[in-house]
Every structure is written in C-alpha cells, then in structure tokens.
C-alpha cells in the first residue's frame, strides 16, 4: 500500500510566493491610502521627490553672453566736393597793347634762366594737399584707428573656489548661476574699467570676479587696419558649479 503522508506534508510546507507578494502589496496599498487620508501633505512631498528623482528634464540653458563686437571709434570721411570748373569767359583784348617787361634775374649768374630755384607747375583747378577733416584717422585730424580684430584671452584662470567666500545661505545661493562682466582690453593686453554687464544672485562674487579679471587675465589686444594694437571691449563669463 502506497504511503502519501510525506508527499502531502511536502506540499503543505511549500512557500506560496505569489500569495505572499500579493498580501504585501495589499498592505502597502492600504498604508498608502491611509497616509493620503491622515497626512496628505507628507505623502504629497514623497510623491514629488520620487517624481523629481526619475525626471529627465534639464533646466533651461542660460542666455549666451553678447558677442565681443567691434565698436567703431572714429568719424567717417565725408564725400568729396564737386569739382569747380571755370566758365568759358576770357578777358577782352585791350584797345592799346601794353608793353610786357621781360623778367630780369635779381642777381647775375652763369645760367640761362630768368629766375633761380624751383617753380610750381600746373594751372589746373584741382585740389591741392590733404584736408584737416575727421576722416579715417591715419593722418590729419582724425580720431585714431578702429579695431578690426577682437581681443583674445591668452592666459590666466579663475577656477579656485577659495577666491569666493561662502555667501549667507551657503554656496547653493549661487550654484548653477553666472555673471558676465565687461572690460576694456588695452594695448598692453591687460583688462581694466570692469563693469557688471549681467549680474548673478551674489553681488559680492560679482565684484570679486571683476577684480580677478583685471588682476589675473592676459589678452592679445585688438588690432586696427594697419596692424597697430588699439583698446577694445571684451566680455568675460564666470560660472559657479
């Protein structure tokens, strides 16, 4: 006669995992509903944190700084005036011809000319010489050359967190923000006359950035059309991570 007692005992000792998982899930659902009824603010905060942890959205990128555009710094040359042409009028012939004395040299010499020294040539009505206007700036009364190339940052860095003190409220106040400053790069390649073009949430950090740009950074100055260095503006962006 077959013995089925051990087989039935083994069946009764098997763990029914799907049943246990369903029971645990039902308990969690019950606790969640109970929390929504008794503490809606607490459960709502947990929901927002879970959604934010799995969110793939990124914050919008900050607007780019202005281009380091070339600023004109001189007056443009005016258009040339119209050419003056005399009228076709001649003086009337005198009724009595006047004698024309021949030129006599002021001092005697061995040459054949009646005058000594160089004489001006031409009897035209054209322009003579260059004027004193405010033209291109290369000569006469202009205001100087204009930059045709921009300044270029060649050396110096601002990347030490110890340069900036911790603001009230912690570093989170300025983390992820930026400041844009405007400087004038001189002919010696140094920055000066720093101003805040676009501020950050930390005014003290903005002022420190201005000072560090003038002290640490070196530039290749802008050039005019003749290849001479000229002052020109430059925009520096400083970010905090």
C-alpha atoms as a PDB file:
ATOM      1  CA  UNK A   1       0.000   0.000   0.000  1.00  0.00           C
ATOM      2  CA  UNK A   2       1.454   3.403  -1.002  1.00  0.00           C
ATOM      3  CA  UNK A   3       2.280   5.983   1.645  1.00  0.00           C
ATOM      4  CA  UNK A   4       1.198   9.511   0.650  1.00  0.00           C
ATOM      5  CA  UNK A   5       1.747  11.133   4.030  1.00  0.00           C
ATOM      6  CA  UNK A   6       5.239  12.534   3.241  1.00  0.00           C
ATOM      7  CA  UNK A   7       4.124  13.868  -0.126  1.00  0.00           C
ATOM      8  CA  UNK A   8       1.199  15.739   1.412  1.00  0.00           C
ATOM      9  CA  UNK A   9       3.471  17.131   4.089  1.00  0.00           C
ATOM     10  CA  UNK A  10       5.927  18.440   1.496  1.00  0.00           C
ATOM     11  CA  UNK A  11       3.100  20.182  -0.341  1.00  0.00           C
ATOM     12  CA  UNK A  12       1.891  21.855   2.812  1.00  0.00           C
ATOM     13  CA  UNK A  13       5.395  23.151   3.596  1.00  0.00           C
ATOM     14  CA  UNK A  14       5.950  24.838   0.181  1.00  0.00           C
ATOM     15  CA  UNK A  15       6.087  28.645   0.353  1.00  0.00           C
ATOM     16  CA  UNK A  16       3.498  30.195  -1.885  1.00  0.00           C
ATOM     17  CA  UNK A  17       5.442  33.308  -3.037  1.00  0.00           C
ATOM     18  CA  UNK A  18       2.781  34.811  -5.306  1.00  0.00           C
ATOM     19  CA  UNK A  19       0.324  34.733  -2.432  1.00  0.00           C
ATOM     20  CA  UNK A  20       2.818  36.382  -0.051  1.00  0.00           C
ATOM     21  CA  UNK A  21       3.690  39.064  -2.639  1.00  0.00           C
ATOM     22  CA  UNK A  22       0.004  39.845  -3.163  1.00  0.00           C
ATOM     23  CA  UNK A  23      -0.540  40.136   0.612  1.00  0.00           C
ATOM     24  CA  UNK A  24       2.468  42.504   0.992  1.00  0.00           C
ATOM     25  CA  UNK A  25       1.290  44.635  -1.941  1.00  0.00           C
ATOM     26  CA  UNK A  26      -2.178  44.863  -0.446  1.00  0.00           C
ATOM     27  CA  UNK A  27      -0.710  46.023   2.883  1.00  0.00           C
ATOM     28  CA  UNK A  28       1.400  48.703   1.132  1.00  0.00           C
ATOM     29  CA  UNK A  29      -1.614  49.940  -0.791  1.00  0.00           C
ATOM     30  CA  UNK A  30      -3.601  50.114   2.408  1.00  0.00           C
ATOM     31  CA  UNK A  31      -0.855  52.073   4.165  1.00  0.00           C
ATOM     32  CA  UNK A  32      -0.628  54.469   1.218  1.00  0.00           C
ATOM     33  CA  UNK A  33      -4.367  55.136   1.201  1.00  0.00           C
ATOM     34  CA  UNK A  34      -4.326  55.573   4.972  1.00  0.00           C
ATOM     35  CA  UNK A  35      -1.462  58.096   4.649  1.00  0.00           C
ATOM     36  CA  UNK A  36      -3.348  60.031   1.943  1.00  0.00           C
ATOM     37  CA  UNK A  37      -6.322  60.326   4.293  1.00  0.00           C
ATOM     38  CA  UNK A  38      -4.458  61.162   7.510  1.00  0.00           C
ATOM     39  CA  UNK A  39      -1.315  63.020   6.252  1.00  0.00           C
ATOM     40  CA  UNK A  40      -1.872  64.293   2.680  1.00  0.00           C
ATOM     41  CA  UNK A  41       0.977  66.863   2.860  1.00  0.00           C
ATOM     42  CA  UNK A  42       3.547  64.261   3.891  1.00  0.00           C
ATOM     43  CA  UNK A  43       2.561  61.771   1.183  1.00  0.00           C
ATOM     44  CA  UNK A  44       2.396  64.540  -1.409  1.00  0.00           C
ATOM     45  CA  UNK A  45       6.001  65.587  -0.596  1.00  0.00           C
ATOM     46  CA  UNK A  46       7.167  61.994  -1.001  1.00  0.00           C
ATOM     47  CA  UNK A  47       5.374  61.762  -4.369  1.00  0.00           C
ATOM     48  CA  UNK A  48       7.083  64.954  -5.633  1.00  0.00           C
ATOM     49  CA  UNK A  49      10.521  63.731  -4.523  1.00  0.00           C
ATOM     50  CA  UNK A  50      10.026  60.368  -6.272  1.00  0.00           C
ATOM     51  CA  UNK A  51       8.871  62.076  -9.482  1.00  0.00           C
ATOM     52  CA  UNK A  52      11.804  64.538  -9.360  1.00  0.00           C
ATOM     53  CA  UNK A  53      14.276  61.653  -8.845  1.00  0.00           C
ATOM     54  CA  UNK A  54      13.097  59.949 -12.051  1.00  0.00           C
ATOM     55  CA  UNK A  55      12.575  63.128 -14.090  1.00  0.00           C
ATOM     56  CA  UNK A  56      14.845  63.508 -17.104  1.00  0.00           C
ATOM     57  CA  UNK A  57      14.140  67.194 -17.670  1.00  0.00           C
ATOM     58  CA  UNK A  58      17.119  69.552 -17.568  1.00  0.00           C
ATOM     59  CA  UNK A  59      16.963  73.227 -16.549  1.00  0.00           C
ATOM     60  CA  UNK A  60      16.927  75.679 -19.471  1.00  0.00           C
ATOM     61  CA  UNK A  61      20.344  76.879 -20.553  1.00  0.00           C
ATOM     62  CA  UNK A  62      21.204  80.474 -19.615  1.00  0.00           C
ATOM     63  CA  UNK A  63      21.205  83.013 -22.479  1.00  0.00           C
ATOM     64  CA  UNK A  64      24.614  83.362 -24.172  1.00  0.00           C
ATOM     65  CA  UNK A  65      26.755  86.426 -23.466  1.00  0.00           C
ATOM     66  CA  UNK A  66      26.898  89.156 -26.081  1.00  0.00           C
ATOM     67  CA  UNK A  67      29.369  88.754 -28.883  1.00  0.00           C
ATOM     68  CA  UNK A  68      32.609  90.659 -28.487  1.00  0.00           C
ATOM     69  CA  UNK A  69      31.621  93.002 -31.276  1.00  0.00           C
ATOM     70  CA  UNK A  70      33.890  95.648 -32.708  1.00  0.00           C
ATOM     71  CA  UNK A  71      32.838  99.146 -31.734  1.00  0.00           C
ATOM     72  CA  UNK A  72      33.519 101.995 -34.206  1.00  0.00           C
ATOM     73  CA  UNK A  73      35.519 104.834 -32.719  1.00  0.00           C
ATOM     74  CA  UNK A  74      36.127 107.364 -35.470  1.00  0.00           C
ATOM     75  CA  UNK A  75      34.344 109.732 -37.813  1.00  0.00           C
ATOM     76  CA  UNK A  76      33.713 108.664 -41.383  1.00  0.00           C
ATOM     77  CA  UNK A  77      35.255 110.637 -44.226  1.00  0.00           C
ATOM     78  CA  UNK A  78      32.824 112.958 -45.959  1.00  0.00           C
ATOM     79  CA  UNK A  79      32.043 112.702 -49.659  1.00  0.00           C
ATOM     80  CA  UNK A  80      34.333 114.800 -51.910  1.00  0.00           C
ATOM     81  CA  UNK A  81      33.051 118.157 -53.065  1.00  0.00           C
ATOM     82  CA  UNK A  82      32.066 118.844 -56.630  1.00  0.00           C
ATOM     83  CA  UNK A  83      34.848 119.896 -58.930  1.00  0.00           C
ATOM     84  CA  UNK A  84      34.849 123.626 -59.639  1.00  0.00           C
ATOM     85  CA  UNK A  85      35.221 124.328 -63.362  1.00  0.00           C
ATOM     86  CA  UNK A  86      35.605 127.978 -64.534  1.00  0.00           C
ATOM     87  CA  UNK A  87      33.222 129.404 -67.100  1.00  0.00           C
ATOM     88  CA  UNK A  88      34.436 129.776 -70.705  1.00  0.00           C
ATOM     89  CA  UNK A  89      34.928 133.520 -70.379  1.00  0.00           C
ATOM     90  CA  UNK A  90      38.031 135.390 -71.493  1.00  0.00           C
ATOM     91  CA  UNK A  91      39.097 138.932 -70.806  1.00  0.00           C
ATOM     92  CA  UNK A  92      38.589 141.369 -73.711  1.00  0.00           C
ATOM     93  CA  UNK A  93      41.596 142.382 -75.712  1.00  0.00           C
ATOM     94  CA  UNK A  94      42.801 145.845 -74.687  1.00  0.00           C
ATOM     95  CA  UNK A  95      42.491 148.522 -77.343  1.00  0.00           C
ATOM     96  CA  UNK A  96      46.078 149.527 -76.801  1.00  0.00           C
ATOM     97  CA  UNK A  97      48.611 146.803 -76.296  1.00  0.00           C
ATOM     98  CA  UNK A  98      50.586 147.296 -73.119  1.00  0.00           C
ATOM     99  CA  UNK A  99      54.278 146.501 -73.166  1.00  0.00           C
ATOM    100  CA  UNK A 100      55.216 143.330 -71.281  1.00  0.00           C
ATOM    101  CA  UNK A 101      58.511 143.722 -69.443  1.00  0.00           C
ATOM    102  CA  UNK A 102      60.804 140.759 -69.669  1.00  0.00           C
ATOM    103  CA  UNK A 103      61.729 139.237 -66.317  1.00  0.00           C
ATOM    104  CA  UNK A 104      65.149 140.123 -65.084  1.00  0.00           C
ATOM    105  CA  UNK A 105      67.045 137.966 -62.638  1.00  0.00           C
ATOM    106  CA  UNK A 106      67.587 139.529 -59.220  1.00  0.00           C
ATOM    107  CA  UNK A 107      71.265 138.644 -59.319  1.00  0.00           C
ATOM    108  CA  UNK A 108      73.626 137.724 -62.103  1.00  0.00           C
ATOM    109  CA  UNK A 109      74.870 134.205 -62.617  1.00  0.00           C
ATOM    110  CA  UNK A 110      76.108 131.872 -65.332  1.00  0.00           C
ATOM    111  CA  UNK A 111      72.754 130.220 -66.137  1.00  0.00           C
ATOM    112  CA  UNK A 112      70.232 130.987 -68.886  1.00  0.00           C
ATOM    113  CA  UNK A 113      67.018 131.089 -66.776  1.00  0.00           C
ATOM    114  CA  UNK A 114      65.414 134.335 -65.701  1.00  0.00           C
ATOM    115  CA  UNK A 115      64.660 133.063 -62.157  1.00  0.00           C
ATOM    116  CA  UNK A 116      66.514 130.825 -59.728  1.00  0.00           C
ATOM    117  CA  UNK A 117      65.029 127.972 -57.690  1.00  0.00           C
ATOM    118  CA  UNK A 118      62.141 125.586 -58.351  1.00  0.00           C
ATOM    119  CA  UNK A 119      58.789 126.830 -59.592  1.00  0.00           C
ATOM    120  CA  UNK A 120      55.278 125.430 -59.126  1.00  0.00           C
ATOM    121  CA  UNK A 121      53.875 123.604 -62.120  1.00  0.00           C
ATOM    122  CA  UNK A 122      50.354 123.443 -63.475  1.00  0.00           C
ATOM    123  CA  UNK A 123      47.496 125.931 -63.681  1.00  0.00           C
ATOM    124  CA  UNK A 124      44.596 123.496 -63.007  1.00  0.00           C
ATOM    125  CA  UNK A 125      41.671 123.879 -60.632  1.00  0.00           C
ATOM    126  CA  UNK A 126      42.140 120.568 -58.837  1.00  0.00           C
ATOM    127  CA  UNK A 127      42.555 120.076 -55.091  1.00  0.00           C
ATOM    128  CA  UNK A 128      45.951 120.612 -53.535  1.00  0.00           C
ATOM    129  CA  UNK A 129      47.156 118.752 -50.434  1.00  0.00           C
ATOM    130  CA  UNK A 130      45.134 116.856 -47.867  1.00  0.00           C
ATOM    131  CA  UNK A 131      42.438 118.429 -45.732  1.00  0.00           C
ATOM    132  CA  UNK A 132      42.141 118.692 -41.924  1.00  0.00           C
ATOM    133  CA  UNK A 133      38.873 116.715 -41.645  1.00  0.00           C
ATOM    134  CA  UNK A 134      37.906 113.872 -39.287  1.00  0.00           C
ATOM    135  CA  UNK A 135      38.500 111.126 -41.850  1.00  0.00           C
ATOM    136  CA  UNK A 136      39.966 107.665 -41.352  1.00  0.00           C
ATOM    137  CA  UNK A 137      42.261 108.679 -38.503  1.00  0.00           C
ATOM    138  CA  UNK A 138      45.507 107.623 -40.166  1.00  0.00           C
ATOM    139  CA  UNK A 139      46.523 111.246 -40.689  1.00  0.00           C
ATOM    140  CA  UNK A 140      45.213 114.836 -40.454  1.00  0.00           C
ATOM    141  CA  UNK A 141      42.657 115.467 -37.698  1.00  0.00           C
ATOM    142  CA  UNK A 142      41.065 112.027 -37.302  1.00  0.00           C
ATOM    143  CA  UNK A 143      40.247 110.328 -34.011  1.00  0.00           C
ATOM    144  CA  UNK A 144      42.577 107.348 -34.385  1.00  0.00           C
ATOM    145  CA  UNK A 145      42.316 103.820 -35.761  1.00  0.00           C
ATOM    146  CA  UNK A 146      39.369 101.475 -35.270  1.00  0.00           C
ATOM    147  CA  UNK A 147      39.725  97.833 -34.163  1.00  0.00           C
ATOM    148  CA  UNK A 148      39.204  95.319 -36.954  1.00  0.00           C
ATOM    149  CA  UNK A 149      40.058  92.284 -34.755  1.00  0.00           C
ATOM    150  CA  UNK A 150      38.759  91.398 -31.279  1.00  0.00           C
ATOM    151  CA  UNK A 151      40.794  90.871 -28.102  1.00  0.00           C
ATOM    152  CA  UNK A 152      41.696  87.225 -27.407  1.00  0.00           C
ATOM    153  CA  UNK A 153      42.152  85.652 -23.942  1.00  0.00           C
ATOM    154  CA  UNK A 154      45.599  84.009 -23.911  1.00  0.00           C
ATOM    155  CA  UNK A 155      46.418  83.215 -20.264  1.00  0.00           C
ATOM    156  CA  UNK A 156      45.176  83.381 -16.670  1.00  0.00           C
ATOM    157  CA  UNK A 157      42.372  81.432 -14.956  1.00  0.00           C
ATOM    158  CA  UNK A 158      39.670  81.966 -12.332  1.00  0.00           C
ATOM    159  CA  UNK A 159      38.887  78.450 -11.090  1.00  0.00           C
ATOM    160  CA  UNK A 160      39.747  78.361  -7.383  1.00  0.00           C
ATOM    161  CA  UNK A 161      36.706  78.115  -5.087  1.00  0.00           C
ATOM    162  CA  UNK A 162      38.774  79.670  -2.291  1.00  0.00           C
ATOM    163  CA  UNK A 163      38.673  83.008  -4.150  1.00  0.00           C
ATOM    164  CA  UNK A 164      34.974  83.327  -3.318  1.00  0.00           C
ATOM    165  CA  UNK A 165      33.736  83.361   0.299  1.00  0.00           C
ATOM    166  CA  UNK A 166      30.675  81.318   1.236  1.00  0.00           C
ATOM    167  CA  UNK A 167      27.649  83.627   0.951  1.00  0.00           C
ATOM    168  CA  UNK A 168      24.858  83.774   3.542  1.00  0.00           C
ATOM    169  CA  UNK A 169      22.705  80.737   2.918  1.00  0.00           C
ATOM    170  CA  UNK A 170      25.565  78.579   1.636  1.00  0.00           C
ATOM    171  CA  UNK A 171      27.064  78.013  -1.788  1.00  0.00           C
ATOM    172  CA  UNK A 172      23.660  76.879  -3.037  1.00  0.00           C
ATOM    173  CA  UNK A 173      22.786  80.583  -3.411  1.00  0.00           C
ATOM    174  CA  UNK A 174      24.991  80.973  -6.494  1.00  0.00           C
ATOM    175  CA  UNK A 175      25.440  77.338  -7.612  1.00  0.00           C
ATOM    176  CA  UNK A 176      24.438  76.968 -11.260  1.00  0.00           C
ATOM    177  CA  UNK A 177      24.411  80.757 -11.816  1.00  0.00           C
ATOM    178  CA  UNK A 178      26.823  83.018 -13.703  1.00  0.00           C
ATOM    179  CA  UNK A 179      27.970  86.626 -14.021  1.00  0.00           C
ATOM    180  CA  UNK A 180      29.096  88.442 -17.198  1.00  0.00           C
ATOM    181  CA  UNK A 181      31.489  91.375 -16.841  1.00  0.00           C
ATOM    182  CA  UNK A 182      32.673  93.864 -19.460  1.00  0.00           C
ATOM    183  CA  UNK A 183      36.258  95.114 -19.523  1.00  0.00           C
ATOM    184  CA  UNK A 184      38.383  97.229 -21.833  1.00  0.00           C
ATOM    185  CA  UNK A 185      41.499  95.421 -23.070  1.00  0.00           C
ATOM    186  CA  UNK A 186      44.264  97.978 -23.551  1.00  0.00           C
ATOM    187  CA  UNK A 187      47.133  97.942 -25.996  1.00  0.00           C
ATOM    188  CA  UNK A 188      49.253  96.228 -23.324  1.00  0.00           C
ATOM    189  CA  UNK A 189      46.864  93.227 -23.197  1.00  0.00           C
ATOM    190  CA  UNK A 190      45.590  93.993 -19.677  1.00  0.00           C
ATOM    191  CA  UNK A 191      41.919  94.355 -18.693  1.00  0.00           C
ATOM    192  CA  UNK A 192      40.677  97.489 -16.956  1.00  0.00           C
ATOM    193  CA  UNK A 193      37.495  99.535 -16.373  1.00  0.00           C
ATOM    194  CA  UNK A 194      35.480  96.421 -15.400  1.00  0.00           C
ATOM    195  CA  UNK A 195      31.695  96.774 -15.131  1.00  0.00           C
ATOM    196  CA  UNK A 196      28.933  94.233 -14.378  1.00  0.00           C
ATOM    197  CA  UNK A 197      27.098  93.514 -17.639  1.00  0.00           C
ATOM    198  CA  UNK A 198      24.785  90.727 -16.342  1.00  0.00           C
ATOM    199  CA  UNK A 199      24.786  90.202 -12.521  1.00  0.00           C
ATOM    200  CA  UNK A 200      24.447  86.952 -10.580  1.00  0.00           C
ATOM    201  CA  UNK A 201      22.446  86.407  -7.355  1.00  0.00           C
ATOM    202  CA  UNK A 202      25.641  87.145  -5.342  1.00  0.00           C
ATOM    203  CA  UNK A 203      26.805  90.808  -5.715  1.00  0.00           C
ATOM    204  CA  UNK A 204      29.944  90.170  -3.647  1.00  0.00           C
ATOM    205  CA  UNK A 205      31.016  87.369  -6.000  1.00  0.00           C
ATOM    206  CA  UNK A 206      30.406  89.686  -8.983  1.00  0.00           C
ATOM    207  CA  UNK A 207      32.741  92.335  -7.544  1.00  0.00           C
ATOM    208  CA  UNK A 208      35.394  89.689  -6.837  1.00  0.00           C
ATOM    209  CA  UNK A 209      35.141  88.463 -10.430  1.00  0.00           C
ATOM    210  CA  UNK A 210      35.775  91.977 -11.750  1.00  0.00           C
ATOM    211  CA  UNK A 211      38.896  92.292  -9.604  1.00  0.00           C
ATOM    212  CA  UNK A 212      40.247  88.870 -10.606  1.00  0.00           C
ATOM    213  CA  UNK A 213      39.718  89.533 -14.331  1.00  0.00           C
ATOM    214  CA  UNK A 214      41.788  92.711 -14.092  1.00  0.00           C
ATOM    215  CA  UNK A 215      44.494  91.059 -11.971  1.00  0.00           C
ATOM    216  CA  UNK A 216      44.921  87.580 -13.481  1.00  0.00           C
ATOM    217  CA  UNK A 217      43.855  87.504 -17.127  1.00  0.00           C
ATOM    218  CA  UNK A 218      46.056  88.426 -20.079  1.00  0.00           C
ATOM    219  CA  UNK A 219      44.846  89.115 -23.606  1.00  0.00           C
ATOM    220  CA  UNK A 220      46.108  89.645 -27.107  1.00  0.00           C
ATOM    221  CA  UNK A 221      44.885  93.182 -27.871  1.00  0.00           C
ATOM    222  CA  UNK A 222      42.676  94.108 -30.790  1.00  0.00           C
ATOM    223  CA  UNK A 223      44.310  95.445 -33.965  1.00  0.00           C
ATOM    224  CA  UNK A 224      43.334  98.186 -36.381  1.00  0.00           C
ATOM    225  CA  UNK A 225      43.586  98.020 -40.171  1.00  0.00           C
ATOM    226  CA  UNK A 226      47.286  98.993 -40.026  1.00  0.00           C
ATOM    227  CA  UNK A 227      48.153  96.216 -37.556  1.00  0.00           C
ATOM    228  CA  UNK A 228      48.516  98.527 -34.563  1.00  0.00           C
ATOM    229  CA  UNK A 229      47.073  97.499 -31.145  1.00  0.00           C
ATOM    230  CA  UNK A 230      44.030  99.505 -30.051  1.00  0.00           C
ATOM    231  CA  UNK A 231      41.754  99.372 -26.957  1.00  0.00           C
ATOM    232  CA  UNK A 232      38.576  97.306 -27.381  1.00  0.00           C
ATOM    233  CA  UNK A 233      35.840  95.816 -25.122  1.00  0.00           C
ATOM    234  CA  UNK A 234      35.759  92.162 -24.014  1.00  0.00           C
ATOM    235  CA  UNK A 235      33.010  90.197 -22.191  1.00  0.00           C
ATOM    236  CA  UNK A 236      34.011  87.562 -19.607  1.00  0.00           C
ATOM    237  CA  UNK A 237      31.551  84.948 -18.275  1.00  0.00           C
ATOM    238  CA  UNK A 238      32.167  83.337 -14.848  1.00  0.00           C
ATOM    239  CA  UNK A 239      30.082  80.317 -13.811  1.00  0.00           C
ATOM    240  CA  UNK A 240      29.723  78.570 -10.464  1.00  0.00           C
ATOM    241  CA  UNK A 241      29.081  74.802 -10.260  1.00  0.00           C
END
